[in-house]
Amino acid sequence: MPLSVPPDEGVELLDGRLRASVSQGLAPLGRGLRSLGISPNVLTASGLFISTITAWLIAVGELRWGVLGIALSGLVDLLDGSVARTGGTASPRGSFFDSVADRVSDGLVLGGVAWYLAGESAHAPMLAFAAMALSMLISYERAKAEALGFNAQGGLMERAERMILLGFALFFNMLVPALWIMIVLTAVTAVQRFIKVWVQASGAKAELRESVRHRRLARRAGTRSASSTSGSSRSSLLSGSTGEDGPGASTWWGSRRPAAGSMTRRRSVARRSRP
């Protein structure tokens, strides 16, 4: 009995609902970049470089320029997938590179935020580090779930929502309240994904137990059938009945025993032959 994974029923906001439509709208631009010989890996590396510059701009206090850097890195992140799909070059290696680059970009940008907040308060950078840790947690939950064959997509605060919230916070210079909101909603997302995968894994475990139970019952039924057939064969041999394999044991033994009349004649001949 094959194990089935329940369909995705999680809460999806921007990252889940709008990403596909935006990527479809960027398909012509992706084909144009592909015709220029620009590969998806080049775009991914470019996005990582832009994130590095963005982190430096935020760290030195150029918050408005940081908003522009976040927008550019997000656009490049969408374009690399569009180029890969339109050019037919999507591969596990490219997907792995893109995922790792996204995690590094998140760490760089939030690290720049922590550096900037260190000039305002000794404890404020911990908010950026907490948001970074929770972001890595929900990314790990999704990666581990997909490695096990489950679905962990969805949640209130995925990557797109985090970057948009951070962009507004940089533009209006409201980093501390935005980081608190990001921490709370990202923690809720982590709990949502954990529960979602836990339910899927529990259902798969129940299906596995049911499959094992059916196999055991079938094995026992086969063993009982074989024992019944063997017992009937032994009974037919002992009763002298003739089956597919030939005469029974009593028939064979009766054919081997000499007749009673022949034994009497042998004894009488032996008496007359004595002197």
C-alpha atoms as a PDB file:
ATOM      1  CA  MET A   1       0.000   0.000   0.000  1.00  0.00           C
ATOM      2  CA  PRO A   2       1.739   3.213  -1.088  1.00  0.00           C
ATOM      3  CA  LEU A   3       2.053   6.054   1.365  1.00  0.00           C
ATOM      4  CA  SER A   4       0.277   9.243   0.329  1.00  0.00           C
ATOM      5  CA  VAL A   5       1.066  12.812   1.375  1.00  0.00           C
ATOM      6  CA  PRO A   6      -1.913  15.068   2.073  1.00  0.00           C
ATOM      7  CA  PRO A   7      -2.314  18.041  -0.225  1.00  0.00           C
ATOM      8  CA  ASP A   8      -1.000  21.425   0.736  1.00  0.00           C
ATOM      9  CA  GLU A   9      -3.561  23.197   2.888  1.00  0.00           C
ATOM     10  CA  GLY A  10      -1.282  25.698   4.615  1.00  0.00           C
ATOM     11  CA  VAL A  11      -1.681  29.455   4.794  1.00  0.00           C
ATOM     12  CA  GLU A  12       0.126  31.047   1.876  1.00  0.00           C
ATOM     13  CA  LEU A  13       0.524  34.775   1.399  1.00  0.00           C
ATOM     14  CA  LEU A  14       2.804  36.577  -1.060  1.00  0.00           C
ATOM     15  CA  ASP A  15       5.497  33.949  -1.415  1.00  0.00           C
ATOM     16  CA  GLY A  16       3.024  31.200  -2.248  1.00  0.00           C
ATOM     17  CA  ARG A  17       0.254  32.919  -4.206  1.00  0.00           C
ATOM     18  CA  LEU A  18       1.924  35.764  -6.088  1.00  0.00           C
ATOM     19  CA  ARG A  19       5.299  34.218  -6.870  1.00  0.00           C
ATOM     20  CA  ALA A  20       3.956  32.001  -9.668  1.00  0.00           C
ATOM     21  CA  SER A  21       1.988  34.825 -11.298  1.00  0.00           C
ATOM     22  CA  VAL A  22       4.912  37.267 -11.047  1.00  0.00           C
ATOM     23  CA  SER A  23       7.279  34.675 -12.495  1.00  0.00           C
ATOM     24  CA  GLN A  24       4.861  34.109 -15.377  1.00  0.00           C
ATOM     25  CA  GLY A  25       4.742  37.841 -16.032  1.00  0.00           C
ATOM     26  CA  LEU A  26       8.553  37.970 -16.083  1.00  0.00           C
ATOM     27  CA  ALA A  27       8.770  35.104 -18.585  1.00  0.00           C
ATOM     28  CA  PRO A  28       9.349  37.403 -21.616  1.00  0.00           C
ATOM     29  CA  LEU A  29      12.165  39.173 -19.779  1.00  0.00           C
ATOM     30  CA  GLY A  30      13.602  35.798 -18.836  1.00  0.00           C
ATOM     31  CA  ARG A  31      13.593  34.698 -22.470  1.00  0.00           C
ATOM     32  CA  GLY A  32      15.329  37.932 -23.430  1.00  0.00           C
ATOM     33  CA  LEU A  33      18.061  37.419 -20.845  1.00  0.00           C
ATOM     34  CA  ARG A  34      18.427  33.826 -21.997  1.00  0.00           C
ATOM     35  CA  SER A  35      18.888  34.977 -25.600  1.00  0.00           C
ATOM     36  CA  LEU A  36      21.699  37.264 -24.390  1.00  0.00           C
ATOM     37  CA  GLY A  37      23.493  34.251 -22.956  1.00  0.00           C
ATOM     38  CA  ILE A  38      22.869  35.075 -19.287  1.00  0.00           C
ATOM     39  CA  SER A  39      22.530  31.866 -17.272  1.00  0.00           C
ATOM     40  CA  PRO A  40      20.446  31.393 -14.103  1.00  0.00           C
ATOM     41  CA  ASN A  41      23.576  30.804 -12.024  1.00  0.00           C
ATOM     42  CA  VAL A  42      24.972  34.170 -13.119  1.00  0.00           C
ATOM     43  CA  LEU A  43      21.767  35.851 -11.955  1.00  0.00           C
ATOM     44  CA  THR A  44      21.872  33.999  -8.642  1.00  0.00           C
ATOM     45  CA  ALA A  45      25.449  35.098  -8.055  1.00  0.00           C
ATOM     46  CA  SER A  46      24.485  38.670  -9.036  1.00  0.00           C
ATOM     47  CA  GLY A  47      21.677  38.635  -6.483  1.00  0.00           C
ATOM     48  CA  LEU A  48      24.105  37.493  -3.804  1.00  0.00           C
ATOM     49  CA  PHE A  49      26.469  40.349  -4.718  1.00  0.00           C
ATOM     50  CA  ILE A  50      23.608  42.880  -4.579  1.00  0.00           C
ATOM     51  CA  SER A  51      22.629  41.574  -1.134  1.00  0.00           C
ATOM     52  CA  THR A  52      26.186  42.089   0.054  1.00  0.00           C
ATOM     53  CA  ILE A  53      26.152  45.718  -1.131  1.00  0.00           C
ATOM     54  CA  THR A  54      22.706  46.174   0.448  1.00  0.00           C
ATOM     55  CA  ALA A  55      23.947  44.907   3.798  1.00  0.00           C
ATOM     56  CA  TRP A  56      26.832  47.381   3.702  1.00  0.00           C
ATOM     57  CA  LEU A  57      24.498  50.273   2.821  1.00  0.00           C
ATOM     58  CA  ILE A  58      22.214  49.440   5.741  1.00  0.00           C
ATOM     59  CA  ALA A  59      25.143  49.069   8.139  1.00  0.00           C
ATOM     60  CA  VAL A  60      26.476  52.558   7.322  1.00  0.00           C
ATOM     61  CA  GLY A  61      23.034  54.126   7.699  1.00  0.00           C
ATOM     62  CA  GLU A  62      21.957  54.492   4.039  1.00  0.00           C
ATOM     63  CA  LEU A  63      18.554  52.986   4.717  1.00  0.00           C
ATOM     64  CA  ARG A  64      16.750  54.312   1.645  1.00  0.00           C
ATOM     65  CA  TRP A  65      19.436  52.883  -0.612  1.00  0.00           C
ATOM     66  CA  GLY A  66      19.012  49.652   1.307  1.00  0.00           C
ATOM     67  CA  VAL A  67      15.364  49.538   0.215  1.00  0.00           C
ATOM     68  CA  LEU A  68      16.485  49.792  -3.404  1.00  0.00           C
ATOM     69  CA  GLY A  69      19.016  47.005  -2.861  1.00  0.00           C
ATOM     70  CA  ILE A  70      16.369  44.704  -1.378  1.00  0.00           C
ATOM     71  CA  ALA A  71      14.063  45.386  -4.350  1.00  0.00           C
ATOM     72  CA  LEU A  72      16.845  44.663  -6.854  1.00  0.00           C
ATOM     73  CA  SER A  73      17.911  41.447  -5.141  1.00  0.00           C
ATOM     74  CA  GLY A  74      14.292  40.266  -5.049  1.00  0.00           C
ATOM     75  CA  LEU A  75      13.866  40.997  -8.752  1.00  0.00           C
ATOM     76  CA  VAL A  76      17.024  39.071  -9.624  1.00  0.00           C
ATOM     77  CA  ASP A  77      15.845  36.185  -7.449  1.00  0.00           C
ATOM     78  CA  LEU A  78      12.668  35.977  -9.526  1.00  0.00           C
ATOM     79  CA  LEU A  79      14.507  36.311 -12.826  1.00  0.00           C
ATOM     80  CA  ASP A  80      16.928  33.428 -12.283  1.00  0.00           C
ATOM     81  CA  GLY A  81      14.029  30.983 -11.963  1.00  0.00           C
ATOM     82  CA  SER A  82      12.295  32.486 -14.997  1.00  0.00           C
ATOM     83  CA  VAL A  83      15.443  32.123 -17.123  1.00  0.00           C
ATOM     84  CA  ALA A  84      15.871  28.520 -15.976  1.00  0.00           C
ATOM     85  CA  ARG A  85      12.275  27.588 -16.823  1.00  0.00           C
ATOM     86  CA  THR A  86      12.072  29.353 -20.194  1.00  0.00           C
ATOM     87  CA  GLY A  87      15.433  27.967 -21.267  1.00  0.00           C
ATOM     88  CA  GLY A  88      14.744  24.443 -20.036  1.00  0.00           C
ATOM     89  CA  THR A  89      17.872  24.504 -17.856  1.00  0.00           C
ATOM     90  CA  ALA A  90      16.223  24.010 -14.454  1.00  0.00           C
ATOM     91  CA  SER A  91      18.211  21.458 -12.485  1.00  0.00           C
ATOM     92  CA  PRO A  92      18.684  20.254  -8.894  1.00  0.00           C
ATOM     93  CA  ARG A  93      22.126  21.863  -8.849  1.00  0.00           C
ATOM     94  CA  GLY A  94      20.688  25.274  -9.765  1.00  0.00           C
ATOM     95  CA  SER A  95      17.882  24.903  -7.235  1.00  0.00           C
ATOM     96  CA  PHE A  96      20.407  24.043  -4.525  1.00  0.00           C
ATOM     97  CA  PHE A  97      22.582  27.026  -5.418  1.00  0.00           C
ATOM     98  CA  ASP A  98      19.575  29.353  -5.390  1.00  0.00           C
ATOM     99  CA  SER A  99      18.394  28.119  -1.970  1.00  0.00           C
ATOM    100  CA  VAL A 100      21.838  28.498  -0.407  1.00  0.00           C
ATOM    101  CA  ALA A 101      22.230  31.979  -1.937  1.00  0.00           C
ATOM    102  CA  ASP A 102      18.851  33.016  -0.478  1.00  0.00           C
ATOM    103  CA  ARG A 103      19.903  31.944   3.016  1.00  0.00           C
ATOM    104  CA  VAL A 104      23.228  33.762   2.730  1.00  0.00           C
ATOM    105  CA  SER A 105      21.475  36.895   1.426  1.00  0.00           C
ATOM    106  CA  ASP A 106      19.048  36.875   4.356  1.00  0.00           C
ATOM    107  CA  GLY A 107      21.912  36.544   6.800  1.00  0.00           C
ATOM    108  CA  LEU A 108      23.868  39.370   5.178  1.00  0.00           C
ATOM    109  CA  VAL A 109      20.939  41.812   5.125  1.00  0.00           C
ATOM    110  CA  LEU A 110      19.874  41.108   8.698  1.00  0.00           C
ATOM    111  CA  GLY A 111      23.512  41.289   9.738  1.00  0.00           C
ATOM    112  CA  GLY A 112      23.661  44.772   8.252  1.00  0.00           C
ATOM    113  CA  VAL A 113      20.548  45.682  10.230  1.00  0.00           C
ATOM    114  CA  ALA A 114      22.173  44.389  13.421  1.00  0.00           C
ATOM    115  CA  TRP A 115      25.309  46.433  12.713  1.00  0.00           C
ATOM    116  CA  TYR A 116      23.228  49.586  12.231  1.00  0.00           C
ATOM    117  CA  LEU A 117      21.199  48.992  15.408  1.00  0.00           C
ATOM    118  CA  ALA A 118      24.369  48.445  17.432  1.00  0.00           C
ATOM    119  CA  GLY A 119      24.959  52.192  17.218  1.00  0.00           C
ATOM    120  CA  GLU A 120      21.601  52.895  18.832  1.00  0.00           C
ATOM    121  CA  SER A 121      21.369  50.269  21.573  1.00  0.00           C
ATOM    122  CA  ALA A 122      23.428  47.396  22.948  1.00  0.00           C
ATOM    123  CA  HIS A 123      20.441  45.045  22.946  1.00  0.00           C
ATOM    124  CA  ALA A 124      18.703  46.031  19.692  1.00  0.00           C
ATOM    125  CA  PRO A 125      20.995  43.903  17.465  1.00  0.00           C
ATOM    126  CA  MET A 126      19.659  40.805  19.237  1.00  0.00           C
ATOM    127  CA  LEU A 127      16.314  41.419  17.520  1.00  0.00           C
ATOM    128  CA  ALA A 128      17.955  41.110  14.114  1.00  0.00           C
ATOM    129  CA  PHE A 129      19.804  37.958  15.192  1.00  0.00           C
ATOM    130  CA  ALA A 130      16.562  36.439  16.532  1.00  0.00           C
ATOM    131  CA  ALA A 131      14.784  37.177  13.257  1.00  0.00           C
ATOM    132  CA  MET A 132      17.721  35.626  11.391  1.00  0.00           C
ATOM    133  CA  ALA A 133      17.638  32.468  13.527  1.00  0.00           C
ATOM    134  CA  LEU A 134      13.886  31.997  13.058  1.00  0.00           C
ATOM    135  CA  SER A 135      14.221  32.575   9.323  1.00  0.00           C
ATOM    136  CA  MET A 136      16.817  29.814   9.121  1.00  0.00           C
ATOM    137  CA  LEU A 137      14.561  27.569  11.235  1.00  0.00           C
ATOM    138  CA  ILE A 138      11.568  27.763   8.922  1.00  0.00           C
ATOM    139  CA  SER A 139      13.838  27.239   5.908  1.00  0.00           C
ATOM    140  CA  TYR A 140      15.291  24.142   7.566  1.00  0.00           C
ATOM    141  CA  GLU A 141      11.808  22.842   8.379  1.00  0.00           C
ATOM    142  CA  ARG A 142      10.818  23.054   4.731  1.00  0.00           C
ATOM    143  CA  ALA A 143      14.057  21.485   3.481  1.00  0.00           C
ATOM    144  CA  LYS A 144      13.886  18.598   5.959  1.00  0.00           C
ATOM    145  CA  ALA A 145      10.206  17.982   5.259  1.00  0.00           C
ATOM    146  CA  GLU A 146      10.781  17.843   1.506  1.00  0.00           C
ATOM    147  CA  ALA A 147      13.716  15.469   2.038  1.00  0.00           C
ATOM    148  CA  LEU A 148      11.328  13.145   3.918  1.00  0.00           C
ATOM    149  CA  GLY A 149       8.675  13.414   1.209  1.00  0.00           C
ATOM    150  CA  PHE A 150       6.352  15.842   3.013  1.00  0.00           C
ATOM    151  CA  ASN A 151       5.135  19.346   2.256  1.00  0.00           C
ATOM    152  CA  ALA A 152       6.010  22.268   4.543  1.00  0.00           C
ATOM    153  CA  GLN A 153       5.181  25.229   2.344  1.00  0.00           C
ATOM    154  CA  GLY A 154       3.079  28.106   3.577  1.00  0.00           C
ATOM    155  CA  GLY A 155       2.969  30.260   6.654  1.00  0.00           C
ATOM    156  CA  LEU A 156       2.379  33.870   7.657  1.00  0.00           C
ATOM    157  CA  MET A 157       5.965  35.083   7.259  1.00  0.00           C
ATOM    158  CA  GLU A 158       7.892  33.519   4.388  1.00  0.00           C
ATOM    159  CA  ARG A 159      10.853  35.103   2.629  1.00  0.00           C
ATOM    160  CA  ALA A 160       8.886  37.487   0.424  1.00  0.00           C
ATOM    161  CA  GLU A 161       6.886  38.806   3.388  1.00  0.00           C
ATOM    162  CA  ARG A 162      10.059  39.280   5.444  1.00  0.00           C
ATOM    163  CA  MET A 163      11.786  41.280   2.726  1.00  0.00           C
ATOM    164  CA  ILE A 164       8.737  43.486   2.087  1.00  0.00           C
ATOM    165  CA  LEU A 165       8.321  44.178   5.800  1.00  0.00           C
ATOM    166  CA  LEU A 166      12.020  44.954   6.100  1.00  0.00           C
ATOM    167  CA  GLY A 167      11.819  47.286   3.101  1.00  0.00           C
ATOM    168  CA  PHE A 168       9.013  49.308   4.699  1.00  0.00           C
ATOM    169  CA  ALA A 169      10.922  49.397   7.989  1.00  0.00           C
ATOM    170  CA  LEU A 170      14.029  50.733   6.256  1.00  0.00           C
ATOM    171  CA  PHE A 171      12.099  53.343   4.291  1.00  0.00           C
ATOM    172  CA  PHE A 172      10.331  54.729   7.365  1.00  0.00           C
ATOM    173  CA  ASN A 173      13.236  54.015   9.768  1.00  0.00           C
ATOM    174  CA  MET A 174      11.103  51.813  12.023  1.00  0.00           C
ATOM    175  CA  LEU A 175      13.410  48.848  12.325  1.00  0.00           C
ATOM    176  CA  VAL A 176      12.785  47.866  15.961  1.00  0.00           C
ATOM    177  CA  PRO A 177       8.956  47.574  15.729  1.00  0.00           C
ATOM    178  CA  ALA A 178       9.261  45.815  12.359  1.00  0.00           C
ATOM    179  CA  LEU A 179      11.751  43.325  13.782  1.00  0.00           C
ATOM    180  CA  TRP A 180       9.406  42.512  16.658  1.00  0.00           C
ATOM    181  CA  ILE A 181       6.595  41.871  14.171  1.00  0.00           C
ATOM    182  CA  MET A 182       8.929  39.748  12.044  1.00  0.00           C
ATOM    183  CA  ILE A 183      10.018  37.685  15.055  1.00  0.00           C
ATOM    184  CA  VAL A 184       6.466  36.970  16.213  1.00  0.00           C
ATOM    185  CA  LEU A 185       5.089  36.097  12.783  1.00  0.00           C
ATOM    186  CA  THR A 186       8.136  34.018  11.849  1.00  0.00           C
ATOM    187  CA  ALA A 187       7.782  32.067  15.095  1.00  0.00           C
ATOM    188  CA  VAL A 188       4.117  31.469  14.253  1.00  0.00           C
ATOM    189  CA  THR A 189       5.191  30.253  10.802  1.00  0.00           C
ATOM    190  CA  ALA A 190       7.673  27.844  12.385  1.00  0.00           C
ATOM    191  CA  VAL A 191       4.913  26.390  14.568  1.00  0.00           C
ATOM    192  CA  GLN A 192       2.544  26.161  11.595  1.00  0.00           C
ATOM    193  CA  ARG A 193       5.073  24.233   9.528  1.00  0.00           C
ATOM    194  CA  PHE A 194       5.927  21.937  12.420  1.00  0.00           C
ATOM    195  CA  ILE A 195       2.273  21.037  12.984  1.00  0.00           C
ATOM    196  CA  LYS A 196       1.690  20.577   9.264  1.00  0.00           C
ATOM    197  CA  VAL A 197       4.564  18.128   8.862  1.00  0.00           C
ATOM    198  CA  TRP A 198       3.689  16.372  12.140  1.00  0.00           C
ATOM    199  CA  VAL A 199       0.154  15.687  10.890  1.00  0.00           C
ATOM    200  CA  GLN A 200       1.446  14.402   7.550  1.00  0.00           C
ATOM    201  CA  ALA A 201       4.019  12.166   9.254  1.00  0.00           C
ATOM    202  CA  SER A 202       1.387  10.793  11.650  1.00  0.00           C
ATOM    203  CA  GLY A 203      -0.875   9.884   8.731  1.00  0.00           C
ATOM    204  CA  ALA A 204       1.997   8.234   6.908  1.00  0.00           C
ATOM    205  CA  LYS A 205       2.874   6.254  10.043  1.00  0.00           C
ATOM    206  CA  ALA A 206      -0.714   5.024  10.364  1.00  0.00           C
ATOM    207  CA  GLU A 207      -0.722   3.966   6.708  1.00  0.00           C
ATOM    208  CA  LEU A 208       2.577   2.155   7.220  1.00  0.00           C
ATOM    209  CA  ARG A 209       1.192   0.274  10.224  1.00  0.00           C
ATOM    210  CA  GLU A 210      -1.916  -0.703   8.276  1.00  0.00           C
ATOM    211  CA  SER A 211       0.222  -1.921   5.385  1.00  0.00           C
ATOM    212  CA  VAL A 212       2.394  -4.014   7.716  1.00  0.00           C
ATOM    213  CA  ARG A 213      -0.698  -5.486   9.377  1.00  0.00           C
ATOM    214  CA  HIS A 214      -2.171  -6.502   6.006  1.00  0.00           C
ATOM    215  CA  ARG A 215       1.101  -8.150   4.985  1.00  0.00           C
ATOM    216  CA  ARG A 216       1.242 -10.111   8.249  1.00  0.00           C
ATOM    217  CA  LEU A 217      -2.339 -11.291   7.866  1.00  0.00           C
ATOM    218  CA  ALA A 218      -1.681 -12.388   4.299  1.00  0.00           C
ATOM    219  CA  ARG A 219       1.455 -14.247   5.412  1.00  0.00           C
ATOM    220  CA  ARG A 220      -0.438 -16.046   8.187  1.00  0.00           C
ATOM    221  CA  ALA A 221      -3.240 -17.021   5.815  1.00  0.00           C
ATOM    222  CA  GLY A 222      -0.692 -18.457   3.411  1.00  0.00           C
ATOM    223  CA  THR A 223       0.981 -20.444   6.196  1.00  0.00           C
ATOM    224  CA  ARG A 224      -2.338 -21.918   7.373  1.00  0.00           C
ATOM    225  CA  SER A 225      -3.280 -22.904   3.825  1.00  0.00           C
ATOM    226  CA  ALA A 226       0.061 -24.651   3.346  1.00  0.00           C
ATOM    227  CA  SER A 227      -0.325 -26.524   6.669  1.00  0.00           C
ATOM    228  CA  SER A 228      -3.844 -27.666   5.754  1.00  0.00           C
ATOM    229  CA  THR A 229      -2.660 -28.979   2.385  1.00  0.00           C
ATOM    230  CA  SER A 230       0.245 -30.857   3.996  1.00  0.00           C
ATOM    231  CA  GLY A 231      -2.047 -32.452   6.617  1.00  0.00           C
ATOM    232  CA  SER A 232      -4.533 -33.661   4.022  1.00  0.00           C
ATOM    233  CA  SER A 233      -1.701 -35.210   1.990  1.00  0.00           C
ATOM    234  CA  ARG A 234      -0.439 -37.168   4.999  1.00  0.00           C
ATOM    235  CA  SER A 235      -3.973 -38.380   5.805  1.00  0.00           C
ATOM    236  CA  SER A 236      -4.493 -39.622   2.257  1.00  0.00           C
ATOM    237  CA  LEU A 237      -1.212 -41.533   2.338  1.00  0.00           C
ATOM    238  CA  LEU A 238      -2.064 -43.242   5.629  1.00  0.00           C
ATOM    239  CA  SER A 239      -5.596 -44.166   4.514  1.00  0.00           C
ATOM    240  CA  GLY A 240      -4.316 -45.830   1.348  1.00  0.00           C
ATOM    241  CA  SER A 241      -5.989 -43.507  -1.086  1.00  0.00           C
ATOM    242  CA  THR A 242      -4.359 -42.837  -4.395  1.00  0.00           C
ATOM    243  CA  GLY A 243      -3.529 -39.221  -5.126  1.00  0.00           C
ATOM    244  CA  GLU A 244      -1.597 -37.407  -7.799  1.00  0.00           C
ATOM    245  CA  ASP A 245       1.729 -38.737  -6.474  1.00  0.00           C
ATOM    246  CA  GLY A 246       0.743 -42.434  -6.662  1.00  0.00           C
ATOM    247  CA  PRO A 247      -0.623 -45.090  -4.264  1.00  0.00           C
ATOM    248  CA  GLY A 248      -0.887 -44.557  -0.543  1.00  0.00           C
ATOM    249  CA  ALA A 249       1.340 -46.058   2.142  1.00  0.00           C
ATOM    250  CA  SER A 250      -1.101 -48.868   3.105  1.00  0.00           C
ATOM    251  CA  THR A 251      -1.574 -49.881  -0.534  1.00  0.00           C
ATOM    252  CA  TRP A 252       2.179 -50.012  -1.030  1.00  0.00           C
ATOM    253  CA  TRP A 253       2.641 -52.076   2.165  1.00  0.00           C
ATOM    254  CA  GLY A 254      -0.169 -54.481   1.186  1.00  0.00           C
ATOM    255  CA  SER A 255       1.448 -55.103  -2.193  1.00  0.00           C
ATOM    256  CA  ARG A 256       4.737 -55.945  -0.488  1.00  0.00           C
ATOM    257  CA  ARG A 257       3.247 -58.501   1.998  1.00  0.00           C
ATOM    258  CA  PRO A 258       2.948 -62.100   0.726  1.00  0.00           C
ATOM    259  CA  ALA A 259      -0.468 -63.726   0.532  1.00  0.00           C
ATOM    260  CA  ALA A 260      -1.586 -66.051   3.391  1.00  0.00           C
ATOM    261  CA  GLY A 261      -2.066 -69.072   1.063  1.00  0.00           C
ATOM    262  CA  SER A 262       1.468 -68.909  -0.287  1.00  0.00           C
ATOM    263  CA  MET A 263       2.875 -68.941   3.262  1.00  0.00           C
ATOM    264  CA  THR A 264       0.814 -72.113   4.105  1.00  0.00           C
ATOM    265  CA  ARG A 265       1.993 -73.924   0.986  1.00  0.00           C
ATOM    266  CA  ARG A 266       5.618 -73.068   1.755  1.00  0.00           C
ATOM    267  CA  ARG A 267       5.293 -74.511   5.272  1.00  0.00           C
ATOM    268  CA  SER A 268       3.612 -77.776   4.031  1.00  0.00           C
ATOM    269  CA  VAL A 269       6.287 -78.333   1.410  1.00  0.00           C
ATOM    270  CA  ALA A 270       8.925 -77.840   4.055  1.00  0.00           C
ATOM    271  CA  ARG A 271       7.322 -80.521   6.319  1.00  0.00           C
ATOM    272  CA  ARG A 272       7.055 -83.157   3.501  1.00  0.00           C
ATOM    273  CA  SER A 273      10.650 -82.676   2.509  1.00  0.00           C
ATOM    274  CA  ARG A 274      11.943 -83.753   5.943  1.00  0.00           C
ATOM    275  CA  PRO A 275      13.314 -87.375   6.241  1.00  0.00           C
END
